[in-house]
N, C-alpha and C. Protein backbone atom coordinates (compact mmCIF):
# COMPACT_ATOMS: atom_id res chain seq x y z
N MET A 1 18.68 10.90 -13.46
CA MET A 1 17.67 9.90 -13.71
C MET A 1 16.39 10.32 -13.00
N PRO A 2 15.22 10.25 -13.66
CA PRO A 2 13.97 10.62 -13.01
C PRO A 2 13.64 9.70 -11.83
N ASN A 3 13.11 10.28 -10.76
CA ASN A 3 12.73 9.52 -9.56
C ASN A 3 11.23 9.60 -9.34
N VAL A 4 10.67 8.55 -8.80
CA VAL A 4 9.27 8.58 -8.38
C VAL A 4 9.19 9.52 -7.18
N ILE A 5 8.25 10.48 -7.20
CA ILE A 5 8.17 11.46 -6.12
C ILE A 5 6.87 11.39 -5.32
N HIS A 6 5.89 10.61 -5.80
CA HIS A 6 4.59 10.60 -5.13
C HIS A 6 3.83 9.35 -5.55
N PHE A 7 2.98 8.83 -4.68
CA PHE A 7 2.10 7.72 -5.05
C PHE A 7 0.68 8.06 -4.61
N GLU A 8 -0.30 7.46 -5.26
CA GLU A 8 -1.70 7.61 -4.89
C GLU A 8 -2.34 6.23 -4.78
N ILE A 9 -3.14 6.05 -3.75
CA ILE A 9 -3.91 4.83 -3.55
C ILE A 9 -5.36 5.22 -3.77
N HIS A 10 -6.01 4.64 -4.75
CA HIS A 10 -7.40 4.98 -5.02
C HIS A 10 -8.31 4.17 -4.12
N ALA A 11 -9.39 4.82 -3.65
CA ALA A 11 -10.26 4.19 -2.67
C ALA A 11 -11.72 4.52 -2.93
N THR A 12 -12.57 3.53 -2.78
CA THR A 12 -14.00 3.75 -2.86
C THR A 12 -14.46 4.54 -1.63
N GLU A 13 -13.96 4.15 -0.46
CA GLU A 13 -14.21 4.85 0.80
C GLU A 13 -12.84 5.16 1.42
N PRO A 14 -12.28 6.34 1.15
CA PRO A 14 -10.92 6.65 1.60
C PRO A 14 -10.67 6.45 3.09
N LYS A 15 -11.64 6.76 3.94
CA LYS A 15 -11.42 6.64 5.39
C LYS A 15 -11.10 5.20 5.79
N ILE A 16 -11.67 4.22 5.09
CA ILE A 16 -11.36 2.82 5.39
C ILE A 16 -9.88 2.55 5.15
N LEU A 17 -9.35 3.05 4.03
CA LEU A 17 -7.93 2.83 3.74
C LEU A 17 -7.03 3.70 4.59
N VAL A 18 -7.49 4.88 4.99
CA VAL A 18 -6.72 5.69 5.93
C VAL A 18 -6.49 4.88 7.20
N ASP A 19 -7.55 4.29 7.73
CA ASP A 19 -7.43 3.47 8.94
C ASP A 19 -6.56 2.24 8.70
N PHE A 20 -6.76 1.56 7.55
CA PHE A 20 -5.99 0.35 7.24
C PHE A 20 -4.49 0.63 7.22
N TYR A 21 -4.05 1.62 6.44
CA TYR A 21 -2.62 1.89 6.30
C TYR A 21 -2.02 2.53 7.55
N THR A 22 -2.81 3.30 8.29
CA THR A 22 -2.33 3.84 9.56
C THR A 22 -2.04 2.70 10.52
N ASN A 23 -2.98 1.74 10.61
CA ASN A 23 -2.82 0.62 11.54
C ASN A 23 -1.77 -0.38 11.07
N LEU A 24 -1.67 -0.61 9.77
CA LEU A 24 -0.73 -1.61 9.26
C LEU A 24 0.72 -1.13 9.33
N PHE A 25 1.00 0.06 8.81
CA PHE A 25 2.37 0.54 8.72
C PHE A 25 2.71 1.70 9.66
N GLY A 26 1.72 2.27 10.33
CA GLY A 26 1.98 3.42 11.19
C GLY A 26 2.16 4.71 10.42
N TRP A 27 1.71 4.74 9.16
CA TRP A 27 1.83 5.96 8.36
C TRP A 27 1.00 7.07 8.99
N LYS A 28 1.49 8.30 8.85
CA LYS A 28 0.74 9.48 9.29
C LYS A 28 -0.06 9.98 8.10
N ILE A 29 -1.37 10.02 8.23
CA ILE A 29 -2.25 10.39 7.12
C ILE A 29 -3.17 11.52 7.58
N SER A 30 -3.21 12.58 6.79
CA SER A 30 -4.04 13.74 7.13
C SER A 30 -4.82 14.20 5.90
N GLN A 31 -6.01 14.71 6.15
CA GLN A 31 -6.85 15.18 5.04
C GLN A 31 -6.30 16.50 4.51
N TRP A 32 -6.20 16.56 3.18
CA TRP A 32 -5.74 17.75 2.48
C TRP A 32 -6.80 18.83 2.60
N GLU A 33 -6.38 20.08 2.66
CA GLU A 33 -7.32 21.20 2.79
C GLU A 33 -7.84 21.69 1.44
N GLY A 34 -7.53 21.02 0.36
CA GLY A 34 -7.94 21.43 -0.97
C GLY A 34 -9.39 21.10 -1.28
N PRO A 35 -9.78 21.29 -2.55
CA PRO A 35 -11.18 21.18 -2.94
C PRO A 35 -11.70 19.76 -3.16
N MET A 36 -10.87 18.75 -3.01
CA MET A 36 -11.32 17.38 -3.23
C MET A 36 -10.96 16.52 -2.03
N GLU A 37 -11.63 15.38 -1.91
CA GLU A 37 -11.33 14.45 -0.81
C GLU A 37 -10.01 13.75 -1.13
N TYR A 38 -8.98 14.12 -0.40
CA TYR A 38 -7.62 13.68 -0.69
C TYR A 38 -6.87 13.64 0.63
N TYR A 39 -6.25 12.52 0.94
CA TYR A 39 -5.56 12.35 2.20
C TYR A 39 -4.06 12.20 1.95
N LEU A 40 -3.27 13.07 2.54
CA LEU A 40 -1.82 13.04 2.34
C LEU A 40 -1.20 11.98 3.25
N VAL A 41 -0.28 11.20 2.67
CA VAL A 41 0.36 10.10 3.37
C VAL A 41 1.83 10.45 3.61
N ASP A 42 2.23 10.41 4.88
CA ASP A 42 3.63 10.55 5.27
C ASP A 42 4.09 9.15 5.67
N SER A 43 4.90 8.54 4.79
CA SER A 43 5.32 7.16 5.04
C SER A 43 6.65 7.06 5.78
N GLY A 44 7.16 8.17 6.28
CA GLY A 44 8.36 8.13 7.11
C GLY A 44 9.51 8.93 6.55
N GLU A 45 10.55 9.05 7.36
CA GLU A 45 11.75 9.78 6.96
C GLU A 45 12.40 9.16 5.74
N ALA A 46 12.88 10.01 4.87
CA ALA A 46 13.60 9.58 3.66
C ALA A 46 12.79 8.59 2.83
N ALA A 47 11.47 8.68 2.94
CA ALA A 47 10.61 7.78 2.18
C ALA A 47 9.76 8.60 1.22
N LEU A 48 9.18 7.91 0.30
CA LEU A 48 8.30 8.51 -0.69
C LEU A 48 6.97 8.89 -0.05
N GLY A 49 6.49 10.09 -0.30
CA GLY A 49 5.19 10.51 0.20
C GLY A 49 4.10 10.14 -0.79
N GLY A 50 2.86 10.09 -0.32
CA GLY A 50 1.78 9.71 -1.20
C GLY A 50 0.46 10.25 -0.74
N ALA A 51 -0.62 9.64 -1.25
CA ALA A 51 -1.96 10.09 -0.92
C ALA A 51 -2.96 8.96 -1.10
N ILE A 52 -4.13 9.12 -0.48
CA ILE A 52 -5.29 8.26 -0.71
C ILE A 52 -6.35 9.15 -1.31
N GLN A 53 -6.87 8.74 -2.44
CA GLN A 53 -7.80 9.55 -3.21
C GLN A 53 -9.08 8.77 -3.49
N ARG A 54 -10.23 9.46 -3.41
CA ARG A 54 -11.50 8.81 -3.72
C ARG A 54 -11.55 8.45 -5.20
N ARG A 55 -12.04 7.22 -5.51
CA ARG A 55 -12.24 6.81 -6.89
C ARG A 55 -13.33 7.69 -7.51
N PRO A 56 -13.30 7.88 -8.83
CA PRO A 56 -14.38 8.63 -9.48
C PRO A 56 -15.73 8.00 -9.15
N GLU A 57 -16.71 8.82 -8.83
CA GLU A 57 -18.04 8.35 -8.42
C GLU A 57 -18.63 7.38 -9.43
N GLY A 58 -19.14 6.26 -8.94
CA GLY A 58 -19.80 5.28 -9.79
C GLY A 58 -18.86 4.41 -10.61
N THR A 59 -17.57 4.52 -10.37
CA THR A 59 -16.60 3.75 -11.14
C THR A 59 -16.04 2.63 -10.27
N PRO A 60 -16.32 1.37 -10.60
CA PRO A 60 -15.80 0.28 -9.78
C PRO A 60 -14.28 0.14 -9.92
N PRO A 61 -13.62 -0.43 -8.90
CA PRO A 61 -12.19 -0.67 -9.01
C PRO A 61 -11.86 -1.43 -10.30
N GLY A 62 -10.83 -1.03 -10.97
CA GLY A 62 -10.40 -1.70 -12.20
C GLY A 62 -10.99 -1.09 -13.46
N ASP A 63 -12.06 -0.29 -13.32
CA ASP A 63 -12.69 0.32 -14.50
C ASP A 63 -12.46 1.83 -14.59
N HIS A 64 -11.60 2.37 -13.77
CA HIS A 64 -11.37 3.81 -13.82
C HIS A 64 -10.20 4.11 -14.75
N PRO A 65 -10.15 5.34 -15.27
CA PRO A 65 -9.14 5.66 -16.28
C PRO A 65 -7.71 5.70 -15.78
N VAL A 66 -7.52 5.89 -14.47
CA VAL A 66 -6.17 5.92 -13.93
C VAL A 66 -5.84 4.53 -13.41
N ASN A 67 -4.78 3.94 -13.93
CA ASN A 67 -4.33 2.65 -13.47
C ASN A 67 -2.93 2.86 -12.92
N ALA A 68 -2.46 2.00 -12.06
CA ALA A 68 -1.18 2.23 -11.40
C ALA A 68 -0.33 0.98 -11.43
N PHE A 69 0.92 1.13 -11.05
CA PHE A 69 1.79 -0.03 -10.89
C PHE A 69 1.93 -0.34 -9.42
N VAL A 70 2.38 -1.54 -9.10
CA VAL A 70 2.41 -2.02 -7.73
C VAL A 70 3.58 -1.42 -6.96
N CYS A 71 3.29 -0.93 -5.76
CA CYS A 71 4.34 -0.46 -4.86
C CYS A 71 4.66 -1.59 -3.88
N THR A 72 5.91 -1.64 -3.46
CA THR A 72 6.35 -2.63 -2.49
C THR A 72 6.89 -1.89 -1.27
N VAL A 73 6.45 -2.32 -0.09
CA VAL A 73 6.87 -1.71 1.17
C VAL A 73 7.83 -2.66 1.87
N GLU A 74 8.97 -2.14 2.31
CA GLU A 74 9.93 -2.95 3.06
C GLU A 74 9.43 -3.10 4.49
N VAL A 75 9.41 -4.35 4.99
CA VAL A 75 8.97 -4.64 6.35
C VAL A 75 10.04 -5.46 7.06
N GLU A 76 10.06 -5.40 8.38
CA GLU A 76 11.05 -6.16 9.15
C GLU A 76 10.68 -7.62 9.28
N ASP A 77 9.38 -7.92 9.42
CA ASP A 77 8.92 -9.29 9.65
C ASP A 77 7.72 -9.54 8.74
N LEU A 78 7.98 -10.18 7.60
CA LEU A 78 6.93 -10.39 6.60
C LEU A 78 5.78 -11.23 7.14
N GLU A 79 6.08 -12.32 7.84
CA GLU A 79 5.02 -13.18 8.39
C GLU A 79 4.10 -12.39 9.31
N ALA A 80 4.68 -11.58 10.19
CA ALA A 80 3.88 -10.78 11.12
C ALA A 80 3.02 -9.78 10.36
N MET A 81 3.57 -9.15 9.33
CA MET A 81 2.81 -8.15 8.58
C MET A 81 1.71 -8.79 7.74
N LEU A 82 1.93 -10.00 7.25
CA LEU A 82 0.86 -10.70 6.53
C LEU A 82 -0.30 -11.01 7.48
N GLY A 83 0.03 -11.46 8.67
CA GLY A 83 -1.01 -11.73 9.67
C GLY A 83 -1.75 -10.46 10.06
N LYS A 84 -1.01 -9.40 10.27
CA LYS A 84 -1.62 -8.13 10.65
C LYS A 84 -2.51 -7.60 9.52
N SER A 85 -2.03 -7.70 8.28
CA SER A 85 -2.79 -7.17 7.15
C SER A 85 -4.11 -7.93 6.97
N THR A 86 -4.10 -9.24 7.13
CA THR A 86 -5.36 -9.99 6.97
C THR A 86 -6.31 -9.71 8.13
N ALA A 87 -5.77 -9.51 9.33
CA ALA A 87 -6.62 -9.15 10.48
C ALA A 87 -7.30 -7.80 10.26
N LEU A 88 -6.65 -6.94 9.46
CA LEU A 88 -7.21 -5.61 9.17
C LEU A 88 -8.09 -5.60 7.92
N GLY A 89 -8.29 -6.77 7.29
CA GLY A 89 -9.21 -6.85 6.17
C GLY A 89 -8.58 -7.06 4.80
N ALA A 90 -7.27 -7.24 4.73
CA ALA A 90 -6.60 -7.52 3.45
C ALA A 90 -6.71 -9.00 3.13
N SER A 91 -6.38 -9.34 1.88
CA SER A 91 -6.31 -10.75 1.50
C SER A 91 -4.95 -11.00 0.85
N ILE A 92 -4.39 -12.18 1.09
CA ILE A 92 -3.10 -12.54 0.51
C ILE A 92 -3.33 -12.98 -0.93
N GLN A 93 -2.63 -12.37 -1.86
CA GLN A 93 -2.75 -12.70 -3.29
C GLN A 93 -1.66 -13.65 -3.74
N LEU A 94 -0.45 -13.41 -3.31
CA LEU A 94 0.67 -14.33 -3.54
C LEU A 94 1.38 -14.50 -2.20
N PRO A 95 1.46 -15.72 -1.70
CA PRO A 95 2.06 -15.94 -0.38
C PRO A 95 3.57 -15.68 -0.40
N LYS A 96 4.13 -15.69 0.78
CA LYS A 96 5.56 -15.47 0.97
C LYS A 96 6.36 -16.37 0.03
N MET A 97 7.30 -15.73 -0.68
CA MET A 97 8.15 -16.47 -1.62
C MET A 97 9.54 -15.86 -1.59
N PRO A 98 10.57 -16.67 -1.86
CA PRO A 98 11.92 -16.12 -1.85
C PRO A 98 12.23 -15.35 -3.14
N VAL A 99 13.00 -14.31 -2.98
CA VAL A 99 13.65 -13.63 -4.10
C VAL A 99 15.13 -13.85 -3.82
N PRO A 100 15.74 -14.86 -4.45
CA PRO A 100 17.08 -15.31 -4.08
C PRO A 100 18.10 -14.16 -3.97
N GLY A 101 18.77 -14.16 -2.80
CA GLY A 101 19.81 -13.17 -2.54
C GLY A 101 19.27 -11.80 -2.17
N ILE A 102 17.95 -11.59 -2.20
CA ILE A 102 17.36 -10.29 -1.92
C ILE A 102 16.50 -10.33 -0.65
N GLY A 103 15.53 -11.26 -0.61
CA GLY A 103 14.65 -11.32 0.55
C GLY A 103 13.41 -12.13 0.29
N TRP A 104 12.40 -11.89 1.11
CA TRP A 104 11.13 -12.61 1.05
C TRP A 104 10.05 -11.64 0.62
N MET A 105 9.21 -12.06 -0.32
CA MET A 105 8.22 -11.18 -0.95
C MET A 105 6.84 -11.81 -0.85
N ALA A 106 5.81 -10.98 -0.71
CA ALA A 106 4.42 -11.42 -0.77
C ALA A 106 3.58 -10.26 -1.29
N TYR A 107 2.42 -10.59 -1.82
CA TYR A 107 1.50 -9.57 -2.32
C TYR A 107 0.15 -9.72 -1.62
N ILE A 108 -0.42 -8.59 -1.23
CA ILE A 108 -1.75 -8.57 -0.64
C ILE A 108 -2.65 -7.64 -1.45
N LYS A 109 -3.96 -7.78 -1.24
CA LYS A 109 -4.91 -6.78 -1.71
C LYS A 109 -5.46 -6.10 -0.46
N ASP A 110 -5.45 -4.77 -0.47
CA ASP A 110 -6.01 -4.03 0.66
C ASP A 110 -7.53 -4.18 0.66
N PRO A 111 -8.22 -3.65 1.67
CA PRO A 111 -9.67 -3.84 1.74
C PRO A 111 -10.45 -3.28 0.55
N ASP A 112 -9.83 -2.44 -0.29
CA ASP A 112 -10.52 -1.89 -1.46
C ASP A 112 -10.02 -2.51 -2.76
N GLY A 113 -9.20 -3.56 -2.66
CA GLY A 113 -8.76 -4.30 -3.85
C GLY A 113 -7.49 -3.81 -4.50
N ASN A 114 -6.77 -2.88 -3.86
CA ASN A 114 -5.49 -2.42 -4.41
C ASN A 114 -4.39 -3.43 -4.08
N LEU A 115 -3.57 -3.74 -5.07
CA LEU A 115 -2.47 -4.69 -4.89
C LEU A 115 -1.27 -3.98 -4.26
N LEU A 116 -0.62 -4.64 -3.31
CA LEU A 116 0.52 -4.09 -2.59
C LEU A 116 1.53 -5.19 -2.33
N GLY A 117 2.80 -4.92 -2.59
CA GLY A 117 3.85 -5.86 -2.27
C GLY A 117 4.47 -5.53 -0.92
N MET A 118 4.95 -6.55 -0.21
CA MET A 118 5.72 -6.35 1.01
C MET A 118 6.95 -7.23 0.92
N MET A 119 8.10 -6.68 1.31
CA MET A 119 9.35 -7.43 1.22
C MET A 119 10.14 -7.31 2.52
N GLN A 120 10.64 -8.47 2.96
CA GLN A 120 11.55 -8.53 4.09
C GLN A 120 12.94 -8.81 3.53
N THR A 121 13.87 -7.89 3.72
CA THR A 121 15.23 -8.07 3.21
C THR A 121 15.91 -9.23 3.93
N ASP A 122 16.53 -10.12 3.15
CA ASP A 122 17.25 -11.27 3.69
C ASP A 122 18.15 -11.82 2.58
N ALA A 123 19.42 -11.52 2.63
CA ALA A 123 20.36 -11.97 1.60
C ALA A 123 20.45 -13.49 1.54
N GLN A 124 20.01 -14.20 2.58
CA GLN A 124 20.06 -15.66 2.60
C GLN A 124 18.83 -16.32 1.97
N ALA A 125 17.86 -15.53 1.56
CA ALA A 125 16.64 -16.08 0.97
C ALA A 125 16.97 -16.90 -0.27
N ALA A 126 16.37 -18.06 -0.37
CA ALA A 126 16.63 -18.91 -1.53
C ALA A 126 15.41 -19.74 -1.87
């Protein structure tokens, strides 16, 4: 079965999102040595790797040719991460809600308007 092997987060100002995701999740992010502004994301052991990429010049979020699907990050304490994310400049799009038998889910927009899910595993969620 095919597996997702990489993700990209598009950014108007990549350094802002490098700082945001480094501070929010502790991801290790380094600038790629290639010919374009591209930051490699190490999201941890046995996790999917990704990148932060500059949006095409002059193209506002939502109007660029590459569109993506929402990624969800597993967190230990959803309430704490929602508070931390808003302190770092994110906005809550859908507040904490139960996914029965799975856990607690919420969606935020990062400082550049990218949608991101966060889930706290909890089999007792109802």
